[in-house]
N, C-alpha and C. Protein backbone atom coordinates (compact mmCIF):
# COMPACT_ATOMS: atom_id res chain seq x y z
N MET A 1 101.71 -3.15 65.12
CA MET A 1 103.06 -3.61 65.50
C MET A 1 103.66 -2.80 66.39
N GLN A 2 104.94 -3.34 67.62
CA GLN A 2 105.30 -2.66 68.30
C GLN A 2 106.62 -1.94 67.86
N ASP A 3 106.51 -0.58 68.58
CA ASP A 3 107.59 0.12 67.80
C ASP A 3 109.16 -0.07 68.38
N MET A 4 109.09 -1.12 69.45
CA MET A 4 110.56 -1.33 69.83
C MET A 4 110.92 -2.30 69.28
N ASP A 5 110.23 -3.35 68.85
CA ASP A 5 110.79 -4.66 67.56
C ASP A 5 111.73 -4.36 67.24
N ASP A 6 112.88 -4.86 66.99
CA ASP A 6 113.69 -4.57 66.20
C ASP A 6 113.53 -5.41 65.09
N ALA A 7 114.53 -5.56 63.99
CA ALA A 7 114.61 -6.37 62.74
C ALA A 7 114.35 -7.43 63.25
N PHE A 8 115.11 -8.16 63.96
CA PHE A 8 115.25 -9.54 64.39
C PHE A 8 114.17 -10.28 64.84
N THR A 9 113.54 -9.39 65.68
CA THR A 9 112.16 -9.76 66.63
C THR A 9 111.07 -9.85 65.48
N LEU A 10 111.50 -8.68 64.61
CA LEU A 10 110.65 -9.07 63.24
C LEU A 10 110.42 -10.15 62.45
N LEU A 11 111.40 -10.62 61.91
CA LEU A 11 111.89 -11.94 60.90
C LEU A 11 111.30 -13.02 62.14
N ARG A 12 111.36 -13.25 63.50
CA ARG A 12 111.10 -14.31 63.91
C ARG A 12 109.61 -14.53 63.90
N ARG A 13 108.88 -13.31 64.57
CA ARG A 13 107.46 -12.85 64.50
C ARG A 13 106.86 -13.72 62.90
N ALA A 14 107.57 -13.61 62.20
CA ALA A 14 107.16 -13.57 60.84
C ALA A 14 107.15 -14.98 60.29
N VAL A 15 108.36 -15.70 60.90
CA VAL A 15 108.57 -17.32 60.89
C VAL A 15 107.36 -17.84 61.67
N ASP A 16 107.27 -17.43 62.75
CA ASP A 16 106.10 -17.69 63.71
C ASP A 16 104.53 -18.20 62.98
N GLN A 17 104.46 -17.50 61.62
CA GLN A 17 103.22 -17.07 61.07
C GLN A 17 102.90 -18.19 60.06
N LEU A 18 104.55 -19.15 60.00
CA LEU A 18 104.24 -19.98 58.73
C LEU A 18 104.02 -21.14 59.06
N SER A 19 103.24 -22.17 58.57
CA SER A 19 103.26 -23.48 58.62
C SER A 19 104.58 -24.17 58.29
N GLU A 20 105.09 -25.25 58.91
CA GLU A 20 106.04 -25.88 59.03
C GLU A 20 106.42 -26.40 57.62
N ASP A 21 105.26 -26.58 56.96
CA ASP A 21 105.84 -27.67 55.73
C ASP A 21 105.73 -26.26 54.41
N ALA A 22 105.86 -24.93 54.81
CA ALA A 22 106.08 -23.90 53.85
C ALA A 22 107.35 -24.41 53.21
N ALA A 23 107.79 -24.13 52.04
CA ALA A 23 108.87 -23.78 51.55
C ALA A 23 109.20 -22.92 50.56
N ALA A 24 110.32 -22.36 50.60
CA ALA A 24 110.58 -21.94 49.03
C ALA A 24 110.93 -22.54 47.64
N GLU A 25 110.92 -21.85 46.62
CA GLU A 25 111.35 -22.29 45.60
C GLU A 25 112.19 -23.37 45.38
N ASN A 26 113.41 -23.00 45.99
CA ASN A 26 114.38 -23.41 46.18
C ASN A 26 114.75 -24.68 46.94
N GLY A 27 113.39 -25.07 47.89
CA GLY A 27 113.61 -25.79 48.64
C GLY A 27 113.64 -25.84 50.24
N GLN A 28 114.49 -24.24 50.13
CA GLN A 28 114.32 -24.17 51.79
C GLN A 28 113.04 -24.06 52.57
N THR A 29 113.42 -24.91 53.70
CA THR A 29 112.05 -25.00 54.78
C THR A 29 112.19 -23.83 55.79
N VAL A 30 110.94 -23.85 56.48
CA VAL A 30 110.95 -23.18 57.76
C VAL A 30 112.26 -23.17 58.58
N GLY A 31 112.20 -24.78 58.53
CA GLY A 31 113.30 -25.10 59.86
C GLY A 31 114.74 -24.60 59.17
N ASP A 32 114.90 -24.68 57.87
CA ASP A 32 115.82 -23.73 57.55
C ASP A 32 116.47 -22.34 57.58
N VAL A 33 115.30 -21.87 58.02
CA VAL A 33 115.33 -20.53 58.02
C VAL A 33 115.42 -20.13 59.81
N ARG A 34 114.70 -20.91 59.98
CA ARG A 34 115.07 -21.21 61.85
C ARG A 34 116.40 -21.01 61.98
N GLU A 35 117.33 -22.31 61.31
CA GLU A 35 118.74 -22.22 61.08
C GLU A 35 119.68 -21.09 61.06
N ASP A 36 119.14 -20.50 59.96
CA ASP A 36 119.64 -19.04 59.64
C ASP A 36 119.39 -17.98 60.71
N ILE A 37 118.25 -18.25 61.25
CA ILE A 37 118.10 -17.61 62.44
C ILE A 37 119.20 -17.52 63.87
N GLY A 38 119.17 -18.73 63.90
CA GLY A 38 120.30 -19.36 65.07
C GLY A 38 121.80 -18.68 64.67
N ARG A 39 122.22 -18.80 62.99
CA ARG A 39 123.56 -18.34 62.95
C ARG A 39 123.41 -16.88 62.37
N GLN A 40 122.38 -16.13 63.08
CA GLN A 40 122.29 -14.64 62.49
C GLN A 40 122.48 -13.87 60.99
N GLU A 41 121.82 -15.20 60.40
CA GLU A 41 121.85 -14.82 58.67
C GLU A 41 120.88 -14.04 58.34
N TRP A 42 121.04 -12.69 58.91
CA TRP A 42 119.43 -12.15 58.83
C TRP A 42 118.98 -11.56 57.57
N GLU A 43 119.78 -11.12 56.47
CA GLU A 43 119.79 -10.93 54.81
C GLU A 43 119.06 -12.27 54.31
N MET A 44 119.80 -13.19 54.41
CA MET A 44 119.33 -14.38 53.94
C MET A 44 117.87 -15.02 54.71
N VAL A 45 117.72 -14.75 55.98
CA VAL A 45 116.27 -15.12 56.65
C VAL A 45 115.42 -14.37 56.00
N LEU A 46 115.57 -12.63 55.79
CA LEU A 46 114.65 -12.27 54.92
C LEU A 46 114.13 -12.61 53.44
N SER A 47 115.18 -13.15 53.12
CA SER A 47 115.26 -13.36 51.62
C SER A 47 114.47 -14.26 51.37
N THR A 48 114.78 -15.58 52.40
CA THR A 48 114.35 -16.72 52.22
C THR A 48 112.56 -16.45 52.63
N LEU A 49 112.44 -15.60 53.47
CA LEU A 49 111.06 -15.56 53.85
C LEU A 49 109.89 -14.69 52.64
N ILE A 50 110.52 -13.93 52.12
CA ILE A 50 110.06 -13.23 50.82
C ILE A 50 109.94 -14.19 50.33
N GLU A 51 110.39 -15.37 49.72
CA GLU A 51 110.33 -16.37 48.55
C GLU A 51 109.12 -17.07 49.13
N VAL A 52 109.19 -17.32 50.10
CA VAL A 52 108.34 -18.39 50.85
C VAL A 52 106.97 -17.34 50.98
N GLY A 53 106.72 -16.15 51.22
CA GLY A 53 105.45 -15.42 50.88
C GLY A 53 105.47 -15.71 49.60
N ASP A 54 106.32 -15.36 48.69
CA ASP A 54 105.78 -15.51 47.20
C ASP A 54 105.00 -16.62 46.78
N ILE A 55 104.97 -17.77 47.23
CA ILE A 55 104.74 -18.79 46.86
C ILE A 55 103.33 -19.21 47.59
N HIS A 56 103.72 -19.29 49.00
CA HIS A 56 102.41 -19.78 49.98
C HIS A 56 101.30 -18.18 50.47
N PRO A 57 100.15 -18.47 50.16
CA PRO A 57 99.19 -17.40 51.00
C PRO A 57 99.66 -17.19 52.13
N VAL A 58 99.74 -15.69 52.45
CA VAL A 58 100.58 -15.47 53.88
C VAL A 58 99.49 -13.78 53.93
N SER A 59 99.59 -13.58 55.21
CA SER A 59 98.85 -12.25 55.37
C SER A 59 99.45 -11.28 55.51
N VAL A 60 98.41 -9.77 55.20
CA VAL A 60 99.31 -8.65 55.37
C VAL A 60 100.11 -8.14 56.20
N ASP A 61 99.53 -8.40 57.27
CA ASP A 61 100.68 -8.65 58.76
C ASP A 61 102.23 -9.18 58.49
N PHE A 62 101.95 -10.41 58.24
CA PHE A 62 103.25 -10.93 57.54
C PHE A 62 104.49 -10.13 56.76
N TRP A 63 103.51 -9.37 55.71
CA TRP A 63 104.49 -8.79 54.83
C TRP A 63 105.09 -7.30 55.49
N GLU A 64 103.65 -6.68 56.55
CA GLU A 64 104.43 -5.54 56.69
C GLU A 64 105.34 -6.05 57.83
N LEU A 65 105.26 -7.05 58.48
CA LEU A 65 106.82 -7.54 59.43
C LEU A 65 107.72 -7.27 58.74
N LEU A 66 107.79 -8.00 57.29
CA LEU A 66 109.39 -8.15 56.35
C LEU A 66 109.57 -6.91 56.08
N ALA A 67 108.59 -5.95 55.77
CA ALA A 67 108.82 -4.69 55.39
C ALA A 67 109.54 -3.63 56.38
N GLU A 68 108.68 -3.68 57.22
CA GLU A 68 109.41 -2.78 58.74
C GLU A 68 111.30 -3.60 58.84
N ALA A 69 111.19 -4.71 58.79
CA ALA A 69 112.42 -5.60 59.18
C ALA A 69 113.54 -4.82 58.01
N ALA A 70 112.71 -4.90 56.73
CA ALA A 70 113.69 -4.74 55.86
C ALA A 70 114.00 -3.22 56.07
N ARG A 71 113.00 -2.08 56.25
CA ARG A 71 113.34 -1.02 56.27
C ARG A 71 114.77 -0.62 57.42
N GLN A 72 114.32 -1.54 58.54
CA GLN A 72 115.45 -1.60 59.76
C GLN A 72 117.03 -1.75 59.22
N MET A 73 117.04 -2.82 58.15
CA MET A 73 118.14 -3.35 57.77
C MET A 73 118.82 -2.62 56.24
N MET A 74 117.73 -1.46 56.35
CA MET A 74 118.08 -0.19 54.81
C MET A 74 118.29 -1.12 53.92
N LEU A 75 117.39 -2.13 53.40
CA LEU A 75 117.59 -2.67 52.68
C LEU A 75 116.11 -2.43 51.41
N ASP A 76 116.12 -0.64 50.75
CA ASP A 76 114.98 -0.74 50.09
C ASP A 76 113.96 -1.07 49.29
N ARG A 77 114.73 -1.73 48.41
CA ARG A 77 114.51 -2.44 47.30
C ARG A 77 113.27 -3.78 48.08
N SER A 78 113.97 -4.36 48.95
CA SER A 78 112.96 -5.48 49.79
C SER A 78 112.13 -4.55 50.24
N CYS A 79 112.18 -3.92 51.34
CA CYS A 79 111.10 -3.00 52.04
C CYS A 79 109.96 -2.64 50.92
N ARG A 80 110.31 -1.73 49.90
CA ARG A 80 109.44 -1.65 48.58
C ARG A 80 108.73 -3.05 48.43
N TRP A 81 109.21 -4.03 48.02
CA TRP A 81 108.64 -5.13 47.52
C TRP A 81 107.52 -5.93 48.80
N CYS A 82 107.81 -5.90 49.59
CA CYS A 82 107.08 -6.16 51.15
C CYS A 82 105.45 -5.52 51.00
N GLU A 83 106.03 -4.39 51.05
CA GLU A 83 104.90 -3.31 51.25
C GLU A 83 104.21 -3.57 49.68
N TRP A 84 104.79 -3.66 48.85
CA TRP A 84 103.85 -3.98 47.49
C TRP A 84 103.10 -5.16 47.62
N ARG A 85 103.75 -6.13 48.24
CA ARG A 85 103.07 -7.74 48.19
C ARG A 85 101.90 -7.62 49.54
N ALA A 86 102.40 -6.82 50.66
CA ALA A 86 101.12 -6.45 51.31
C ALA A 86 100.16 -5.87 50.56
N TRP A 87 100.14 -4.76 49.64
CA TRP A 87 99.18 -4.11 49.03
C TRP A 87 98.28 -5.03 48.23
N GLU A 88 98.64 -6.17 47.60
CA GLU A 88 98.32 -7.13 46.49
C GLU A 88 97.44 -7.98 47.76
N VAL A 89 97.86 -8.24 48.59
CA VAL A 89 97.10 -9.41 49.53
C VAL A 89 95.49 -8.63 49.74
N GLN A 90 95.83 -7.26 50.06
CA GLN A 90 94.52 -6.47 50.29
C GLN A 90 93.74 -6.22 48.93
N HIS A 91 94.53 -5.94 47.97
CA HIS A 91 93.57 -5.44 46.68
C HIS A 91 93.47 -6.39 45.70
N GLY A 92 94.62 -7.43 45.52
CA GLY A 92 94.26 -8.30 44.41
C GLY A 92 95.55 -8.04 43.40
N THR A 93 96.02 -9.09 42.97
CA THR A 93 97.03 -8.98 41.59
C THR A 93 96.63 -8.66 40.63
N VAL A 94 97.25 -7.99 39.73
CA VAL A 94 97.33 -7.75 38.24
C VAL A 94 98.76 -7.91 37.58
N ARG A 95 98.78 -9.17 36.64
CA ARG A 95 100.37 -9.37 36.03
C ARG A 95 99.75 -9.27 34.70
N ALA A 96 100.81 -8.58 33.96
CA ALA A 96 100.63 -8.74 32.60
C ALA A 96 102.16 -8.68 32.16
N THR A 97 102.35 -8.89 30.91
CA THR A 97 103.31 -9.01 29.91
C THR A 97 103.24 -7.75 29.35
N LEU A 98 104.58 -6.94 29.77
CA LEU A 98 104.40 -5.06 28.92
C LEU A 98 105.94 -5.36 28.21
N SER A 99 105.24 -4.51 27.10
CA SER A 99 106.34 -4.53 25.52
C SER A 99 106.34 -3.04 25.64
N LEU A 100 107.25 -2.22 26.30
CA LEU A 100 107.61 -1.04 25.59
C LEU A 100 107.88 -0.67 24.02
N VAL A 101 107.43 0.23 23.34
CA VAL A 101 107.77 0.85 22.09
C VAL A 101 109.37 1.36 22.22
N GLY A 102 109.60 1.10 21.07
CA GLY A 102 111.01 1.56 20.97
C GLY A 102 111.31 2.71 21.35
N ALA A 103 112.26 3.48 21.24
CA ALA A 103 112.87 5.14 21.54
C ALA A 103 112.61 5.74 20.63
N GLU A 104 112.54 5.20 19.05
CA GLU A 104 112.46 5.76 18.11
C GLU A 104 110.76 6.15 17.87
N GLU A 105 109.85 5.38 18.55
CA GLU A 105 108.43 5.61 18.57
C GLU A 105 108.03 6.39 19.71
N GLY A 106 108.59 6.07 20.55
CA GLY A 106 107.67 6.56 22.00
C GLY A 106 108.40 7.97 22.62
N ARG A 107 108.17 8.64 23.99
CA ARG A 107 109.16 9.67 24.18
C ARG A 107 110.00 9.06 25.00
N ARG A 108 109.61 8.14 25.51
CA ARG A 108 110.83 7.62 26.72
C ARG A 108 112.45 6.69 25.60
N ARG A 109 113.11 7.62 26.46
CA ARG A 109 114.70 7.54 25.59
C ARG A 109 115.30 6.44 26.50
N THR A 110 114.74 6.40 28.08
CA THR A 110 115.80 5.70 28.77
C THR A 110 115.42 4.45 29.70
N ALA A 111 115.76 3.71 30.17
CA ALA A 111 115.18 2.53 31.10
C ALA A 111 114.52 3.20 32.40
N PHE A 112 113.39 2.72 32.71
CA PHE A 112 113.11 3.28 34.25
C PHE A 112 113.15 2.19 35.12
N SER A 113 113.37 2.73 36.57
CA SER A 113 113.88 1.53 37.39
C SER A 113 112.35 0.76 37.83
N GLY A 114 112.23 -0.46 37.99
CA GLY A 114 111.15 -1.50 37.81
C GLY A 114 110.59 -1.64 39.38
N ASP A 115 110.96 -0.99 40.27
CA ASP A 115 110.46 -1.16 41.81
C ASP A 115 109.93 -0.34 42.22
N GLY A 116 108.60 -0.21 41.21
CA GLY A 116 107.41 0.15 41.91
C GLY A 116 107.05 1.56 41.98
N ARG A 117 107.79 2.55 41.52
CA ARG A 117 107.65 3.63 41.93
C ARG A 117 106.94 4.55 40.48
N LEU A 118 107.24 3.79 39.59
CA LEU A 118 106.72 4.64 38.14
C LEU A 118 105.21 4.49 38.26
N ARG A 119 104.66 5.29 38.02
CA ARG A 119 103.04 5.67 38.13
C ARG A 119 102.19 5.98 36.52
N PRO A 120 102.20 5.02 35.72
CA PRO A 120 101.93 5.58 34.39
C PRO A 120 100.49 5.77 34.55
N MET A 121 99.57 5.83 33.28
CA MET A 121 98.41 5.52 33.03
C MET A 121 98.12 4.74 32.03
N TRP A 122 97.11 4.18 32.35
CA TRP A 122 96.67 2.69 31.45
C TRP A 122 95.45 3.07 31.00
N ASP A 123 95.36 2.49 29.72
CA ASP A 123 94.04 2.62 28.62
C ASP A 123 93.17 1.13 29.42
N ILE A 124 92.55 0.68 29.96
CA ILE A 124 91.91 -0.68 30.63
C ILE A 124 90.41 -0.90 29.70
N GLY A 125 90.05 0.27 28.88
CA GLY A 125 88.83 -0.02 27.99
C GLY A 125 87.83 0.99 28.83
N ASN A 126 88.03 1.24 29.96
CA ASN A 126 87.08 2.32 30.85
C ASN A 126 86.57 3.61 30.07
N ARG A 127 85.58 4.13 29.88
CA ARG A 127 84.72 5.00 29.69
C ARG A 127 84.03 6.08 30.10
N ASN A 128 84.44 7.36 30.11
CA ASN A 128 83.28 8.29 30.85
C ASN A 128 82.09 8.49 30.54
N ALA A 129 81.36 9.41 31.23
CA ALA A 129 79.93 9.42 31.07
C ALA A 129 79.62 9.86 29.82
N GLY A 130 80.51 10.60 29.06
CA GLY A 130 80.36 11.14 27.83
C GLY A 130 80.89 9.93 26.87
N GLY A 131 81.63 8.92 27.20
CA GLY A 131 81.79 7.76 26.20
C GLY A 131 83.34 8.21 25.86
N GLU A 132 84.05 8.71 26.18
CA GLU A 132 85.48 8.94 26.11
C GLU A 132 86.46 8.12 26.99
N ARG A 133 87.34 7.72 26.30
CA ARG A 133 88.38 6.66 26.50
C ARG A 133 88.79 7.58 28.25
N GLU A 134 88.72 6.87 29.07
CA GLU A 134 89.13 7.30 30.41
C GLU A 134 90.43 6.41 30.92
N LEU A 135 91.76 6.91 31.18
CA LEU A 135 92.95 6.25 31.78
C LEU A 135 93.09 6.17 33.11
N SER A 136 93.71 5.23 33.27
CA SER A 136 93.39 4.66 35.04
C SER A 136 95.14 5.24 35.21
N ILE A 137 95.26 5.06 36.46
CA ILE A 137 96.83 5.19 37.26
C ILE A 137 96.77 4.01 37.99
N ALA A 138 98.22 3.24 37.60
CA ALA A 138 98.80 2.23 38.21
C ALA A 138 100.02 2.22 38.15
N ARG A 139 100.62 1.97 39.55
CA ARG A 139 102.19 1.77 39.64
C ARG A 139 102.47 0.53 38.94
N LEU A 140 103.91 0.17 38.78
CA LEU A 140 104.19 -0.61 38.01
C LEU A 140 105.75 -1.40 38.74
N TRP A 141 105.52 -2.37 38.70
CA TRP A 141 106.98 -3.37 39.15
C TRP A 141 107.11 -4.06 38.35
N VAL A 142 108.42 -4.43 37.70
CA VAL A 142 109.04 -5.10 37.17
C VAL A 142 109.28 -6.47 37.72
N GLU A 143 109.12 -7.55 36.96
CA GLU A 143 109.46 -8.82 37.49
C GLU A 143 111.04 -9.43 37.04
N TYR A 144 111.64 -9.38 37.83
CA TYR A 144 113.33 -10.28 37.58
C TYR A 144 114.08 -9.41 36.78
N THR A 145 114.14 -8.13 36.83
CA THR A 145 114.83 -7.53 36.34
C THR A 145 115.11 -5.94 36.90
N GLN A 146 115.85 -5.36 37.15
CA GLN A 146 115.77 -4.16 37.75
C GLN A 146 115.25 -2.89 37.33
N GLU A 147 115.49 -3.04 36.07
CA GLU A 147 114.52 -1.81 35.10
C GLU A 147 114.39 -2.20 33.62
N LEU A 148 113.51 -1.35 33.04
CA LEU A 148 112.98 -1.62 31.75
C LEU A 148 113.36 -0.76 30.73
N GLY A 149 113.81 -1.18 29.62
CA GLY A 149 113.84 0.21 28.57
C GLY A 149 113.08 0.09 27.32
N PRO A 150 113.20 1.37 26.81
CA PRO A 150 112.63 1.05 25.64
C PRO A 150 113.05 0.01 24.64
N GLY A 151 111.77 -0.44 23.84
CA GLY A 151 111.87 -1.88 23.40
C GLY A 151 111.88 -3.21 23.68
N GLU A 152 112.16 -2.71 25.24
CA GLU A 152 112.03 -4.35 25.68
C GLU A 152 110.78 -4.54 26.14
N THR A 153 110.53 -6.17 26.80
CA THR A 153 109.31 -6.80 27.40
C THR A 153 109.96 -7.59 28.72
N ALA A 154 108.82 -7.44 29.58
CA ALA A 154 109.11 -8.19 30.60
C ALA A 154 107.55 -8.71 31.43
N ASP A 155 107.58 -9.28 32.26
CA ASP A 155 106.31 -9.24 32.94
C ASP A 155 106.45 -8.14 34.12
N VAL A 156 104.97 -7.73 34.21
CA VAL A 156 105.38 -6.83 35.38
C VAL A 156 104.00 -6.79 36.16
N ARG A 157 103.73 -6.49 37.12
CA ARG A 157 102.74 -6.09 38.35
C ARG A 157 102.51 -4.99 38.21
N LEU A 158 101.07 -4.64 38.33
CA LEU A 158 100.41 -3.28 38.41
C LEU A 158 99.49 -3.12 39.72
N ALA A 159 99.58 -2.13 40.24
CA ALA A 159 99.07 -1.61 41.44
C ALA A 159 97.97 -0.14 41.45
N PRO A 160 97.09 -0.69 40.83
CA PRO A 160 95.74 0.46 40.51
C PRO A 160 95.45 1.27 41.62
N LEU A 161 95.58 2.65 41.27
CA LEU A 161 95.26 3.53 42.08
C LEU A 161 93.92 3.20 42.53
N SER A 162 93.21 2.94 41.78
CA SER A 162 91.56 2.73 42.25
C SER A 162 91.17 1.08 41.33
N PRO A 163 91.27 -0.12 42.53
CA PRO A 163 91.40 -1.24 42.23
C PRO A 163 89.93 -1.51 41.58
N GLU A 164 89.06 -1.41 42.42
CA GLU A 164 87.74 -1.68 41.92
C GLU A 164 87.32 -1.09 39.97
N GLN A 165 88.22 -0.35 39.55
CA GLN A 165 87.87 -0.08 37.93
C GLN A 165 88.58 -1.05 37.40
N TRP A 166 89.40 -1.75 37.85
CA TRP A 166 90.24 -2.81 37.05
C TRP A 166 89.68 -4.23 36.78
N ARG A 167 88.75 -4.47 37.89
CA ARG A 167 87.69 -5.70 38.36
C ARG A 167 87.48 -6.49 36.92
N HIS A 168 87.16 -5.79 35.82
CA HIS A 168 86.53 -6.50 34.63
C HIS A 168 87.61 -7.14 34.04
N LEU A 169 89.05 -6.90 34.04
CA LEU A 169 90.14 -7.27 33.09
C LEU A 169 90.08 -8.77 33.61
N LYS A 170 90.20 -9.55 32.85
CA LYS A 170 90.88 -11.26 32.48
C LYS A 170 92.23 -11.39 31.92
N ARG A 171 92.18 -12.53 31.82
CA ARG A 171 93.34 -13.23 30.97
C ARG A 171 93.28 -12.93 29.87
N GLY A 172 94.51 -12.28 29.31
CA GLY A 172 94.42 -12.20 27.51
C GLY A 172 93.79 -11.14 27.22
N ASP A 173 93.67 -10.25 28.12
CA ASP A 173 93.24 -8.75 27.59
C ASP A 173 94.12 -7.71 27.39
N VAL A 174 94.22 -7.11 26.25
CA VAL A 174 95.04 -6.05 25.95
C VAL A 174 94.81 -4.91 26.50
N ILE A 175 96.18 -4.26 27.48
CA ILE A 175 95.92 -2.58 28.39
C ILE A 175 97.39 -2.09 27.30
N THR A 176 96.75 -0.59 27.19
CA THR A 176 97.72 0.20 26.60
C THR A 176 98.48 1.00 28.10
N MET A 177 99.78 1.21 28.18
CA MET A 177 100.58 2.00 28.69
C MET A 177 101.08 3.65 28.28
N HIS A 178 100.45 4.73 29.16
CA HIS A 178 100.55 5.91 28.44
C HIS A 178 101.10 6.51 29.60
N GLU A 179 102.70 7.34 29.00
CA GLU A 179 103.32 8.23 29.52
C GLU A 179 102.90 9.65 29.42
N ALA A 180 102.72 9.71 28.11
CA ALA A 180 102.20 11.19 27.70
C ALA A 180 101.18 10.91 26.60
N ARG A 181 100.98 11.46 25.34
CA ARG A 181 100.30 11.25 24.27
C ARG A 181 100.07 9.59 23.75
N PRO A 182 101.47 9.93 23.28
CA PRO A 182 101.73 8.23 22.47
C PRO A 182 101.63 7.56 23.31
N VAL A 183 101.20 6.30 22.75
CA VAL A 183 101.34 4.81 23.53
C VAL A 183 102.48 4.62 23.74
N ALA A 184 102.84 4.50 24.94
CA ALA A 184 104.27 3.91 25.79
C ALA A 184 104.50 2.58 25.72
N GLY A 185 103.52 1.63 25.49
CA GLY A 185 103.45 0.22 25.70
C GLY A 185 102.35 -0.61 25.72
N THR A 186 102.19 -1.70 25.16
CA THR A 186 101.28 -2.54 25.44
C THR A 186 101.35 -3.71 26.27
N ALA A 187 100.59 -4.05 26.98
CA ALA A 187 100.54 -5.42 28.26
C ALA A 187 99.29 -5.97 28.07
N THR A 188 99.69 -7.61 27.83
CA THR A 188 98.80 -8.49 28.05
C THR A 188 98.29 -8.92 29.28
N VAL A 189 97.43 -9.10 30.06
CA VAL A 189 97.35 -9.43 31.22
C VAL A 189 97.57 -11.34 31.26
N ILE A 190 98.28 -11.79 32.02
CA ILE A 190 98.42 -13.00 32.55
C ILE A 190 97.84 -13.49 33.42
N GLU A 191 97.67 -12.52 34.54
CA GLU A 191 96.72 -13.28 35.89
C GLU A 191 96.06 -11.89 36.79
N ILE A 192 94.75 -12.37 37.43
CA ILE A 192 94.32 -11.85 38.15
C ILE A 192 93.89 -12.58 39.19
N LEU A 193 94.67 -12.08 40.32
CA LEU A 193 94.29 -12.65 41.66
C LEU A 193 93.50 -11.60 42.26
N PRO A 194 91.94 -12.25 43.02
CA PRO A 194 91.18 -11.39 43.84
C PRO A 194 92.25 -11.20 45.11
N PRO A 195 91.74 -10.05 46.09
CA PRO A 195 92.06 -9.75 47.48
C PRO A 195 91.92 -11.23 47.92
N ARG A 196 92.73 -11.14 48.94
CA ARG A 196 92.89 -12.43 50.10
C ARG A 196 92.06 -11.99 51.30
N PRO A 197 91.41 -12.84 51.82
CA PRO A 197 90.57 -12.54 52.96
C PRO A 197 91.15 -12.65 53.90
């Protein structure tokens, strides 16, 4: 990526990577995005491109273009989401439904931001050479909400520190989240997608 490209050039380059029939869930097409570019509706362009990328297979480069554009536009959460999606293209996707224990059962008393910065440990069934339980670290992104608090349930995406240790998981597997000694939550895997070539 060239350092001198501004956010608007980056967004134009990202649009050029899409097939003309690509569309967002709300029906907005690549043609609509080009019209928004003509009107200089840059935040709308970014938002629609993210929606299209979430539905259609796109490259790491596409997500990196959007991440840099969002960074330049000072849209931090959008930037983090695009970086997250670029990571998923390279390493695969793990989605699960996470239920946090209540405040009276666990150590967490407050909600945490769901934007991929929390890095809890997970019991995904792995054992060390001595047969003892081995916890694995994965960043956590909460879908469709800004934060998640004690006793709440939401669909989440996980970005493992060592993705290869998670390859054995399949839909329906139950894994547990740990922030300290007691279990902080239980998650049921709902989708596993391999890295994209």
